Amino acid sequence: MRSSPWTIAALGGLALVVRASPAGAHLVSTGLGPVYDGLIHFALAPEDLAPVLALGLLAGLRGPAHGRRTLFVLPAAWLLGGWLGLAVHARGHPALTAISFIFFGGLVAADAPLSPAWITVLAGLLGLGHGYLNGMALAPPGPGWLGLLGTTLAVFILIALTASFVLSLRPAWARVAVRVAGSWIAAIGLLLLGWGLRRSA
């Protein structure tokens, strides 16, 4: 009895589906160890990536002193917040992360003339808040402490690259483009806020 090519293809596809390995939600295993897992976790988490990117853009717009403070304060606060979050087994509300999108994206769009002291405070608050949420996501059975270390390293790298790139921009139109990027981050935050409030209603 001859089988049609479609029957063979359907049976082959069914065999692949049945044999598939379990999928993890959001926490990605690179196979390179928990530090790299934490680094990739940050790269694939827009709720953490976008506010850090916005703060890097803002620090770059404001100048070298702001960039240096952000470069060291944000990762340190992230590590401290993550340490607290590792001890807590809870879930963050999507509206909380949406507010940081709107706030930091709005500061970039407005080219807010913040002093170095204010940028230090904002970097500390962002690091504590998002580090805390990140620590909860990385808590065992996730990568744990080493994953948090990888995430903190990713924050340091992103701030260093973003702030230094914006600092090197000289033309006026380039600063306008950075501000437009900030407005996009704020707009995404508004969409996330509406989605989070709708789900919780």
N, C-alpha and C. Protein backbone atom coordinates (compact mmCIF):
# COMPACT_ATOMS: atom_id res chain seq x y z
N MET A 1 0.85 -1.19 0.00
CA MET A 1 0.00 0.00 0.00
C MET A 1 0.89 1.24 0.00
N ARG A 2 0.71 2.12 -1.00
CA ARG A 2 1.56 3.30 -1.14
C ARG A 2 0.99 4.47 -0.35
N SER A 3 1.90 5.18 0.36
CA SER A 3 1.49 6.37 1.12
C SER A 3 1.80 7.61 0.30
N SER A 4 0.93 8.60 0.39
CA SER A 4 1.16 9.84 -0.33
C SER A 4 2.26 10.64 0.36
N PRO A 5 2.94 11.57 -0.37
CA PRO A 5 3.98 12.40 0.25
C PRO A 5 3.42 13.25 1.39
N TRP A 6 2.15 13.65 1.29
CA TRP A 6 1.55 14.47 2.35
C TRP A 6 1.39 13.68 3.65
N THR A 7 1.05 12.41 3.53
CA THR A 7 0.92 11.57 4.71
C THR A 7 2.26 11.39 5.39
N ILE A 8 3.30 11.16 4.60
CA ILE A 8 4.64 10.98 5.15
C ILE A 8 5.12 12.26 5.83
N ALA A 9 4.86 13.40 5.18
CA ALA A 9 5.27 14.69 5.76
C ALA A 9 4.52 14.96 7.07
N ALA A 10 3.22 14.65 7.11
CA ALA A 10 2.43 14.87 8.32
C ALA A 10 2.92 13.99 9.46
N LEU A 11 3.24 12.73 9.17
CA LEU A 11 3.75 11.82 10.20
C LEU A 11 5.13 12.28 10.69
N GLY A 12 5.96 12.77 9.77
CA GLY A 12 7.28 13.29 10.16
C GLY A 12 7.15 14.52 11.04
N GLY A 13 6.24 15.43 10.69
CA GLY A 13 6.01 16.62 11.51
C GLY A 13 5.48 16.26 12.88
N LEU A 14 4.56 15.28 12.95
CA LEU A 14 4.02 14.83 14.23
C LEU A 14 5.13 14.25 15.12
N ALA A 15 6.04 13.49 14.50
CA ALA A 15 7.15 12.91 15.27
C ALA A 15 8.05 14.00 15.84
N LEU A 16 8.29 15.07 15.08
CA LEU A 16 9.12 16.18 15.58
C LEU A 16 8.44 16.90 16.73
N VAL A 17 7.13 17.11 16.63
CA VAL A 17 6.39 17.81 17.68
C VAL A 17 6.38 17.00 18.97
N VAL A 18 6.15 15.70 18.84
CA VAL A 18 6.09 14.83 20.02
C VAL A 18 7.46 14.76 20.69
N ARG A 19 8.52 14.80 19.90
CA ARG A 19 9.88 14.66 20.42
C ARG A 19 10.48 15.99 20.88
N ALA A 20 9.77 17.09 20.74
CA ALA A 20 10.32 18.42 21.06
C ALA A 20 10.66 18.54 22.53
N SER A 21 11.74 19.29 22.81
CA SER A 21 12.14 19.51 24.20
C SER A 21 11.25 20.58 24.82
N PRO A 22 11.15 20.62 26.15
CA PRO A 22 10.30 21.63 26.80
C PRO A 22 10.81 23.04 26.55
N ALA A 23 9.88 23.98 26.41
CA ALA A 23 10.23 25.38 26.18
C ALA A 23 10.18 26.13 27.50
N GLY A 24 11.16 27.01 27.73
CA GLY A 24 11.17 27.85 28.93
C GLY A 24 10.63 29.22 28.59
N ALA A 25 9.86 29.79 29.49
CA ALA A 25 9.30 31.12 29.24
C ALA A 25 10.28 32.18 29.71
N HIS A 26 10.85 32.91 28.76
CA HIS A 26 11.64 34.09 29.02
C HIS A 26 13.08 33.81 29.47
N LEU A 27 13.31 32.82 30.34
CA LEU A 27 14.66 32.51 30.76
C LEU A 27 15.27 31.57 29.73
N VAL A 28 16.32 32.03 29.06
CA VAL A 28 16.93 31.29 27.98
C VAL A 28 18.20 30.64 28.48
N SER A 29 18.38 29.36 28.19
CA SER A 29 19.61 28.66 28.56
C SER A 29 20.52 28.64 27.35
N THR A 30 21.69 29.27 27.47
CA THR A 30 22.62 29.35 26.35
C THR A 30 23.49 28.11 26.27
N GLY A 31 23.57 27.36 27.38
CA GLY A 31 24.49 26.24 27.43
C GLY A 31 25.90 26.66 27.78
N LEU A 32 26.13 27.96 28.01
CA LEU A 32 27.46 28.48 28.34
C LEU A 32 27.61 28.81 29.81
N GLY A 33 26.58 28.54 30.60
CA GLY A 33 26.67 28.80 32.03
C GLY A 33 25.71 29.89 32.46
N PRO A 34 25.50 30.02 33.78
CA PRO A 34 24.50 30.96 34.29
C PRO A 34 24.83 32.43 34.06
N VAL A 35 26.12 32.80 34.00
CA VAL A 35 26.48 34.20 33.75
C VAL A 35 26.00 34.63 32.36
N TYR A 36 26.27 33.79 31.38
CA TYR A 36 25.81 34.10 30.02
C TYR A 36 24.30 34.01 29.91
N ASP A 37 23.69 33.10 30.67
CA ASP A 37 22.22 33.03 30.68
C ASP A 37 21.63 34.34 31.17
N GLY A 38 22.22 34.92 32.22
CA GLY A 38 21.75 36.21 32.73
C GLY A 38 21.95 37.33 31.73
N LEU A 39 23.08 37.30 31.03
CA LEU A 39 23.36 38.32 30.02
C LEU A 39 22.34 38.26 28.89
N ILE A 40 22.07 37.05 28.42
CA ILE A 40 21.09 36.89 27.34
C ILE A 40 19.69 37.20 27.83
N HIS A 41 19.40 36.88 29.09
CA HIS A 41 18.09 37.21 29.67
C HIS A 41 17.83 38.72 29.57
N PHE A 42 18.85 39.53 29.88
CA PHE A 42 18.68 40.98 29.78
C PHE A 42 18.49 41.41 28.33
N ALA A 43 19.26 40.83 27.43
CA ALA A 43 19.17 41.21 26.02
C ALA A 43 17.81 40.88 25.41
N LEU A 44 17.13 39.87 25.97
CA LEU A 44 15.83 39.46 25.44
C LEU A 44 14.66 39.96 26.28
N ALA A 45 14.93 40.90 27.20
CA ALA A 45 13.88 41.43 28.07
C ALA A 45 13.68 42.92 27.78
N PRO A 46 12.80 43.28 26.84
CA PRO A 46 12.61 44.70 26.51
C PRO A 46 12.15 45.54 27.69
N GLU A 47 11.48 44.93 28.67
CA GLU A 47 11.02 45.70 29.84
C GLU A 47 12.19 46.19 30.68
N ASP A 48 13.35 45.55 30.57
CA ASP A 48 14.57 46.02 31.24
C ASP A 48 15.45 46.80 30.28
N LEU A 49 15.54 46.32 29.06
CA LEU A 49 16.44 46.91 28.07
C LEU A 49 16.08 48.34 27.71
N ALA A 50 14.81 48.62 27.46
CA ALA A 50 14.40 49.95 26.99
C ALA A 50 14.64 51.07 28.01
N PRO A 51 14.28 50.91 29.30
CA PRO A 51 14.57 51.99 30.25
C PRO A 51 16.07 52.24 30.44
N VAL A 52 16.86 51.16 30.43
CA VAL A 52 18.32 51.33 30.54
C VAL A 52 18.86 52.06 29.32
N LEU A 53 18.35 51.70 28.15
CA LEU A 53 18.75 52.40 26.92
C LEU A 53 18.38 53.87 26.99
N ALA A 54 17.18 54.17 27.49
CA ALA A 54 16.73 55.56 27.60
C ALA A 54 17.63 56.34 28.56
N LEU A 55 18.00 55.72 29.68
CA LEU A 55 18.88 56.41 30.63
C LEU A 55 20.26 56.64 30.02
N GLY A 56 20.75 55.70 29.23
CA GLY A 56 22.03 55.88 28.54
C GLY A 56 21.96 57.02 27.54
N LEU A 57 20.86 57.12 26.81
CA LEU A 57 20.67 58.23 25.87
C LEU A 57 20.64 59.57 26.61
N LEU A 58 19.93 59.60 27.73
CA LEU A 58 19.82 60.83 28.52
C LEU A 58 21.18 61.25 29.07
N ALA A 59 21.93 60.28 29.62
CA ALA A 59 23.26 60.59 30.15
C ALA A 59 24.18 61.11 29.06
N GLY A 60 24.09 60.52 27.87
CA GLY A 60 24.91 60.98 26.76
C GLY A 60 24.54 62.39 26.31
N LEU A 61 23.25 62.71 26.31
CA LEU A 61 22.82 64.06 25.94
C LEU A 61 23.32 65.10 26.94
N ARG A 62 23.40 64.72 28.20
CA ARG A 62 23.75 65.68 29.25
C ARG A 62 25.25 65.93 29.37
N GLY A 63 26.08 64.95 29.04
CA GLY A 63 27.52 65.21 29.07
C GLY A 63 28.32 64.13 29.76
N PRO A 64 29.68 64.26 29.72
CA PRO A 64 30.56 63.21 30.27
C PRO A 64 30.36 62.95 31.76
N ALA A 65 30.15 63.99 32.57
CA ALA A 65 29.98 63.79 34.02
C ALA A 65 28.75 62.94 34.31
N HIS A 66 27.67 63.20 33.59
CA HIS A 66 26.44 62.42 33.75
C HIS A 66 26.66 60.97 33.31
N GLY A 67 27.38 60.81 32.21
CA GLY A 67 27.65 59.47 31.71
C GLY A 67 28.47 58.64 32.68
N ARG A 68 29.51 59.26 33.27
CA ARG A 68 30.34 58.53 34.22
C ARG A 68 29.56 58.12 35.46
N ARG A 69 28.74 59.00 35.98
CA ARG A 69 27.94 58.66 37.17
C ARG A 69 26.97 57.53 36.87
N THR A 70 26.29 57.63 35.73
CA THR A 70 25.33 56.58 35.36
C THR A 70 26.02 55.24 35.16
N LEU A 71 27.21 55.27 34.57
CA LEU A 71 27.94 54.05 34.26
C LEU A 71 28.24 53.22 35.50
N PHE A 72 28.48 53.89 36.63
CA PHE A 72 28.84 53.14 37.84
C PHE A 72 27.68 53.00 38.83
N VAL A 73 26.80 54.00 38.89
CA VAL A 73 25.70 53.94 39.86
C VAL A 73 24.64 52.93 39.43
N LEU A 74 24.26 52.93 38.16
CA LEU A 74 23.19 52.05 37.71
C LEU A 74 23.51 50.56 37.91
N PRO A 75 24.67 50.05 37.45
CA PRO A 75 24.95 48.63 37.70
C PRO A 75 25.04 48.27 39.18
N ALA A 76 25.61 49.17 40.00
CA ALA A 76 25.72 48.89 41.43
C ALA A 76 24.33 48.79 42.06
N ALA A 77 23.44 49.73 41.71
CA ALA A 77 22.08 49.69 42.23
C ALA A 77 21.33 48.48 41.70
N TRP A 78 21.59 48.11 40.45
CA TRP A 78 20.95 46.93 39.84
C TRP A 78 21.33 45.67 40.62
N LEU A 79 22.61 45.57 40.95
CA LEU A 79 23.08 44.40 41.69
C LEU A 79 22.45 44.34 43.08
N LEU A 80 22.35 45.49 43.75
CA LEU A 80 21.74 45.54 45.07
C LEU A 80 20.25 45.18 45.01
N GLY A 81 19.53 45.78 44.05
CA GLY A 81 18.11 45.47 43.88
C GLY A 81 17.90 44.01 43.52
N GLY A 82 18.77 43.47 42.67
CA GLY A 82 18.66 42.06 42.30
C GLY A 82 18.90 41.13 43.47
N TRP A 83 19.83 41.51 44.35
CA TRP A 83 20.10 40.72 45.55
C TRP A 83 18.84 40.64 46.43
N LEU A 84 18.13 41.77 46.54
CA LEU A 84 16.87 41.77 47.30
C LEU A 84 15.80 40.94 46.59
N GLY A 85 15.75 41.06 45.27
CA GLY A 85 14.74 40.35 44.50
C GLY A 85 14.93 38.85 44.49
N LEU A 86 16.18 38.37 44.61
CA LEU A 86 16.42 36.93 44.63
C LEU A 86 15.77 36.26 45.83
N ALA A 87 15.57 37.03 46.90
CA ALA A 87 14.99 36.46 48.11
C ALA A 87 13.47 36.47 48.10
N VAL A 88 12.87 37.08 47.09
CA VAL A 88 11.41 37.25 47.05
C VAL A 88 10.85 36.46 45.88
N HIS A 89 9.80 35.71 46.13
CA HIS A 89 9.14 34.95 45.06
C HIS A 89 7.79 35.61 44.78
N ALA A 90 7.81 36.54 43.85
CA ALA A 90 6.58 37.27 43.49
C ALA A 90 6.71 37.70 42.04
N ARG A 91 5.67 38.33 41.53
CA ARG A 91 5.67 38.81 40.15
C ARG A 91 5.41 40.30 40.13
N GLY A 92 6.13 41.00 39.24
CA GLY A 92 5.91 42.43 39.09
C GLY A 92 4.70 42.71 38.21
N HIS A 93 4.15 43.89 38.35
CA HIS A 93 3.00 44.29 37.54
C HIS A 93 3.50 44.98 36.27
N PRO A 94 2.95 44.63 35.07
CA PRO A 94 3.41 45.26 33.83
C PRO A 94 3.30 46.78 33.85
N ALA A 95 2.35 47.32 34.60
CA ALA A 95 2.19 48.78 34.65
C ALA A 95 3.39 49.46 35.28
N LEU A 96 4.09 48.79 36.19
CA LEU A 96 5.25 49.39 36.85
C LEU A 96 6.39 49.60 35.86
N THR A 97 6.65 48.59 35.02
CA THR A 97 7.71 48.75 34.03
C THR A 97 7.30 49.75 32.95
N ALA A 98 6.02 49.81 32.62
CA ALA A 98 5.55 50.77 31.62
C ALA A 98 5.80 52.20 32.08
N ILE A 99 5.66 52.46 33.38
CA ILE A 99 5.88 53.81 33.91
C ILE A 99 7.34 54.22 33.71
N SER A 100 8.28 53.28 33.88
CA SER A 100 9.69 53.64 33.67
C SER A 100 9.98 53.92 32.20
N PHE A 101 9.30 53.21 31.29
CA PHE A 101 9.40 53.52 29.85
C PHE A 101 8.99 54.97 29.61
N ILE A 102 7.81 55.32 30.13
CA ILE A 102 7.26 56.66 29.89
C ILE A 102 8.14 57.72 30.52
N PHE A 103 8.56 57.50 31.75
CA PHE A 103 9.32 58.51 32.48
C PHE A 103 10.68 58.77 31.83
N PHE A 104 11.46 57.73 31.63
CA PHE A 104 12.81 57.92 31.09
C PHE A 104 12.79 58.28 29.61
N GLY A 105 11.87 57.68 28.86
CA GLY A 105 11.72 58.07 27.46
C GLY A 105 11.29 59.52 27.33
N GLY A 106 10.39 59.97 28.23
CA GLY A 106 9.95 61.37 28.22
C GLY A 106 11.08 62.33 28.56
N LEU A 107 11.96 61.95 29.49
CA LEU A 107 13.10 62.81 29.83
C LEU A 107 14.04 62.97 28.63
N VAL A 108 14.24 61.89 27.89
CA VAL A 108 15.09 61.97 26.69
C VAL A 108 14.42 62.85 25.64
N ALA A 109 13.13 62.64 25.41
CA ALA A 109 12.41 63.42 24.40
C ALA A 109 12.42 64.91 24.73
N ALA A 110 12.36 65.24 26.03
CA ALA A 110 12.36 66.65 26.45
C ALA A 110 13.76 67.22 26.56
N ASP A 111 14.79 66.37 26.41
CA ASP A 111 16.18 66.79 26.61
C ASP A 111 16.30 67.52 27.96
N ALA A 112 15.78 66.87 29.01
CA ALA A 112 15.67 67.49 30.33
C ALA A 112 17.04 67.89 30.87
N PRO A 113 17.19 69.15 31.29
CA PRO A 113 18.49 69.65 31.79
C PRO A 113 18.73 69.24 33.24
N LEU A 114 19.02 67.97 33.47
CA LEU A 114 19.21 67.46 34.82
C LEU A 114 20.65 67.66 35.28
N SER A 115 20.83 67.92 36.56
CA SER A 115 22.17 68.04 37.14
C SER A 115 22.76 66.65 37.33
N PRO A 116 24.10 66.55 37.52
CA PRO A 116 24.70 65.23 37.80
C PRO A 116 24.10 64.56 39.03
N ALA A 117 23.73 65.36 40.05
CA ALA A 117 23.14 64.77 41.25
C ALA A 117 21.81 64.10 40.92
N TRP A 118 20.98 64.74 40.10
CA TRP A 118 19.69 64.17 39.74
C TRP A 118 19.85 62.91 38.90
N ILE A 119 20.81 62.92 37.97
CA ILE A 119 21.00 61.73 37.14
C ILE A 119 21.48 60.56 38.00
N THR A 120 22.22 60.88 39.06
CA THR A 120 22.67 59.84 40.00
C THR A 120 21.49 59.24 40.74
N VAL A 121 20.59 60.09 41.21
CA VAL A 121 19.40 59.60 41.91
C VAL A 121 18.54 58.75 40.99
N LEU A 122 18.33 59.21 39.76
CA LEU A 122 17.49 58.47 38.82
C LEU A 122 18.12 57.13 38.46
N ALA A 123 19.45 57.11 38.27
CA ALA A 123 20.14 55.85 37.97
C ALA A 123 19.99 54.88 39.13
N GLY A 124 20.09 55.39 40.35
CA GLY A 124 19.93 54.54 41.52
C GLY A 124 18.53 53.96 41.63
N LEU A 125 17.52 54.80 41.39
CA LEU A 125 16.14 54.32 41.48
C LEU A 125 15.82 53.30 40.39
N LEU A 126 16.29 53.58 39.17
CA LEU A 126 16.05 52.63 38.07
C LEU A 126 16.74 51.30 38.36
N GLY A 127 17.98 51.37 38.84
CA GLY A 127 18.72 50.14 39.13
C GLY A 127 18.08 49.34 40.24
N LEU A 128 17.66 50.00 41.32
CA LEU A 128 17.02 49.28 42.42
C LEU A 128 15.71 48.64 41.99
N GLY A 129 14.86 49.41 41.27
CA GLY A 129 13.54 48.91 40.86
C GLY A 129 13.63 47.76 39.88
N HIS A 130 14.35 47.98 38.79
CA HIS A 130 14.42 46.93 37.76
C HIS A 130 15.33 45.79 38.19
N GLY A 131 16.36 46.09 38.98
CA GLY A 131 17.18 45.01 39.51
C GLY A 131 16.38 44.09 40.41
N TYR A 132 15.50 44.68 41.22
CA TYR A 132 14.63 43.90 42.11
C TYR A 132 13.73 42.96 41.30
N LEU A 133 13.09 43.51 40.27
CA LEU A 133 12.22 42.69 39.42
C LEU A 133 13.02 41.62 38.70
N ASN A 134 14.24 41.99 38.28
CA ASN A 134 15.10 41.04 37.59
C ASN A 134 15.55 39.92 38.51
N GLY A 135 15.86 40.28 39.76
CA GLY A 135 16.25 39.27 40.72
C GLY A 135 15.15 38.25 40.96
N MET A 136 13.89 38.72 41.01
CA MET A 136 12.76 37.79 41.17
C MET A 136 12.67 36.84 39.98
N ALA A 137 12.95 37.35 38.77
CA ALA A 137 12.87 36.50 37.57
C ALA A 137 14.01 35.49 37.51
N LEU A 138 15.16 35.84 38.08
CA LEU A 138 16.33 34.97 38.01
C LEU A 138 16.47 34.03 39.20
N ALA A 139 15.58 34.18 40.19
CA ALA A 139 15.68 33.36 41.41
C ALA A 139 15.59 31.88 41.07
N PRO A 140 16.22 31.01 41.89
CA PRO A 140 16.15 29.56 41.65
C PRO A 140 14.70 29.11 41.49
N PRO A 141 14.42 28.22 40.55
CA PRO A 141 15.35 27.38 39.80
C PRO A 141 16.03 28.04 38.61
N GLY A 142 16.00 29.34 38.49
CA GLY A 142 16.71 30.06 37.44
C GLY A 142 18.20 30.14 37.73
N PRO A 143 18.93 30.98 36.99
CA PRO A 143 20.39 31.06 37.14
C PRO A 143 20.86 31.60 38.49
N GLY A 144 20.00 32.31 39.22
CA GLY A 144 20.37 32.80 40.54
C GLY A 144 21.42 33.90 40.52
N TRP A 145 22.35 33.85 41.49
CA TRP A 145 23.36 34.90 41.67
C TRP A 145 24.21 35.13 40.43
N LEU A 146 24.65 34.03 39.82
CA LEU A 146 25.53 34.17 38.65
C LEU A 146 24.77 34.78 37.48
N GLY A 147 23.49 34.45 37.34
CA GLY A 147 22.67 35.07 36.31
C GLY A 147 22.51 36.56 36.54
N LEU A 148 22.34 36.94 37.81
CA LEU A 148 22.24 38.36 38.16
C LEU A 148 23.54 39.09 37.83
N LEU A 149 24.67 38.43 38.05
CA LEU A 149 25.96 39.02 37.70
C LEU A 149 26.06 39.26 36.20
N GLY A 150 25.60 38.30 35.40
CA GLY A 150 25.60 38.47 33.95
C GLY A 150 24.70 39.60 33.49
N THR A 151 23.52 39.72 34.12
CA THR A 151 22.60 40.80 33.80
C THR A 151 23.21 42.16 34.13
N THR A 152 23.87 42.25 35.30
CA THR A 152 24.50 43.51 35.71
C THR A 152 25.62 43.88 34.74
N LEU A 153 26.37 42.90 34.28
CA LEU A 153 27.42 43.16 33.30
C LEU A 153 26.82 43.69 31.99
N ALA A 154 25.68 43.13 31.57
CA ALA A 154 25.00 43.60 30.36
C ALA A 154 24.53 45.04 30.52
N VAL A 155 24.04 45.41 31.73
CA VAL A 155 23.62 46.79 31.99
C VAL A 155 24.81 47.73 31.85
N PHE A 156 25.94 47.36 32.43
CA PHE A 156 27.16 48.17 32.35
C PHE A 156 27.58 48.40 30.91
N ILE A 157 27.58 47.32 30.12
CA ILE A 157 28.00 47.41 28.72
C ILE A 157 27.06 48.30 27.92
N LEU A 158 25.74 48.13 28.12
CA LEU A 158 24.78 48.92 27.36
C LEU A 158 24.90 50.41 27.68
N ILE A 159 25.04 50.75 28.97
CA ILE A 159 25.19 52.15 29.35
C ILE A 159 26.47 52.73 28.76
N ALA A 160 27.57 51.98 28.85
CA ALA A 160 28.85 52.46 28.32
C ALA A 160 28.76 52.73 26.83
N LEU A 161 28.19 51.81 26.08
CA LEU A 161 28.11 51.98 24.62
C LEU A 161 27.15 53.10 24.23
N THR A 162 25.98 53.13 24.88
CA THR A 162 24.96 54.12 24.52
C THR A 162 25.41 55.54 24.85
N ALA A 163 25.87 55.75 26.08
CA ALA A 163 26.27 57.10 26.50
C ALA A 163 27.46 57.60 25.69
N SER A 164 28.44 56.73 25.45
CA SER A 164 29.61 57.17 24.68
C SER A 164 29.25 57.47 23.23
N PHE A 165 28.32 56.70 22.66
CA PHE A 165 27.89 56.98 21.29
C PHE A 165 27.20 58.34 21.19
N VAL A 166 26.28 58.61 22.12
CA VAL A 166 25.56 59.89 22.08
C VAL A 166 26.51 61.05 22.35
N LEU A 167 27.47 60.86 23.25
CA LEU A 167 28.45 61.92 23.53
C LEU A 167 29.26 62.29 22.29
N SER A 168 29.48 61.33 21.41
CA SER A 168 30.29 61.59 20.21
C SER A 168 29.52 62.32 19.11
N LEU A 169 28.21 62.44 19.25
CA LEU A 169 27.39 63.08 18.21
C LEU A 169 27.57 64.59 18.27
N ARG A 170 27.87 65.20 17.17
CA ARG A 170 28.06 66.64 17.11
C ARG A 170 26.95 67.41 16.39
N PRO A 171 26.44 66.92 15.25
CA PRO A 171 25.42 67.70 14.52
C PRO A 171 24.13 67.86 15.34
N ALA A 172 23.46 68.97 15.13
CA ALA A 172 22.21 69.23 15.87
C ALA A 172 21.13 68.21 15.51
N TRP A 173 21.10 67.78 14.24
CA TRP A 173 20.07 66.83 13.83
C TRP A 173 20.25 65.49 14.54
N ALA A 174 21.50 65.14 14.92
CA ALA A 174 21.74 63.87 15.59
C ALA A 174 21.13 63.89 17.00
N ARG A 175 21.23 65.03 17.67
CA ARG A 175 20.60 65.15 18.99
C ARG A 175 19.07 65.06 18.88
N VAL A 176 18.53 65.62 17.80
CA VAL A 176 17.08 65.52 17.57
C VAL A 176 16.69 64.05 17.36
N ALA A 177 17.52 63.30 16.62
CA ALA A 177 17.24 61.88 16.39
C ALA A 177 17.24 61.10 17.71
N VAL A 178 18.17 61.45 18.61
CA VAL A 178 18.20 60.79 19.93
C VAL A 178 16.93 61.10 20.70
N ARG A 179 16.48 62.35 20.64
CA ARG A 179 15.25 62.74 21.34
C ARG A 179 14.03 62.02 20.76
N VAL A 180 14.03 61.82 19.44
CA VAL A 180 12.93 61.08 18.80
C VAL A 180 12.92 59.63 19.30
N ALA A 181 14.12 59.03 19.45
CA ALA A 181 14.20 57.67 19.99
C ALA A 181 13.61 57.62 21.40
N GLY A 182 13.87 58.65 22.19
CA GLY A 182 13.28 58.72 23.52
C GLY A 182 11.77 58.80 23.48
N SER A 183 11.24 59.56 22.52
CA SER A 183 9.79 59.67 22.40
C SER A 183 9.16 58.33 22.00
N TRP A 184 9.88 57.54 21.20
CA TRP A 184 9.38 56.21 20.84
C TRP A 184 9.32 55.30 22.06
N ILE A 185 10.35 55.38 22.92
CA ILE A 185 10.36 54.56 24.14
C ILE A 185 9.18 54.95 25.02
N ALA A 186 8.93 56.27 25.15
CA ALA A 186 7.79 56.74 25.95
C ALA A 186 6.47 56.26 25.35
N ALA A 187 6.36 56.29 24.03
CA ALA A 187 5.13 55.85 23.37
C ALA A 187 4.89 54.35 23.59
N ILE A 188 5.96 53.56 23.54
CA ILE A 188 5.83 52.13 23.82
C ILE A 188 5.35 51.93 25.26
N GLY A 189 5.88 52.76 26.17
CA GLY A 189 5.45 52.69 27.56
C GLY A 189 3.96 52.96 27.72
N LEU A 190 3.45 53.93 26.97
CA LEU A 190 2.01 54.21 27.02
C LEU A 190 1.19 53.02 26.56
N LEU A 191 1.65 52.36 25.50
CA LEU A 191 0.95 51.17 25.02
C LEU A 191 0.99 50.06 26.06
N LEU A 192 2.17 49.86 26.67
CA LEU A 192 2.30 48.83 27.70
C LEU A 192 1.42 49.12 28.91
N LEU A 193 1.35 50.42 29.28
CA LEU A 193 0.53 50.79 30.41
C LEU A 193 -0.94 50.49 30.15
N GLY A 194 -1.42 50.85 28.97
CA GLY A 194 -2.81 50.55 28.62
C GLY A 194 -3.07 49.07 28.61
N TRP A 195 -2.13 48.29 28.08
CA TRP A 195 -2.29 46.84 28.03
C TRP A 195 -2.31 46.25 29.44
N GLY A 196 -1.38 46.73 30.31
CA GLY A 196 -1.33 46.22 31.68
C GLY A 196 -2.57 46.55 32.49
N LEU A 197 -3.08 47.78 32.34
CA LEU A 197 -4.28 48.17 33.05
C LEU A 197 -5.50 47.41 32.54
N ARG A 198 -5.53 47.15 31.25
CA ARG A 198 -6.66 46.42 30.66
C ARG A 198 -6.68 44.98 31.18
N ARG A 199 -5.50 44.36 31.30
CA ARG A 199 -5.43 42.98 31.77
C ARG A 199 -5.80 42.86 33.25
N SER A 200 -5.46 43.91 34.02
CA SER A 200 -5.74 43.84 35.46
C SER A 200 -7.19 44.24 35.80
N ALA A 201 -7.89 44.81 34.81
CA ALA A 201 -9.28 45.25 35.06
C ALA A 201 -10.22 44.07 35.15
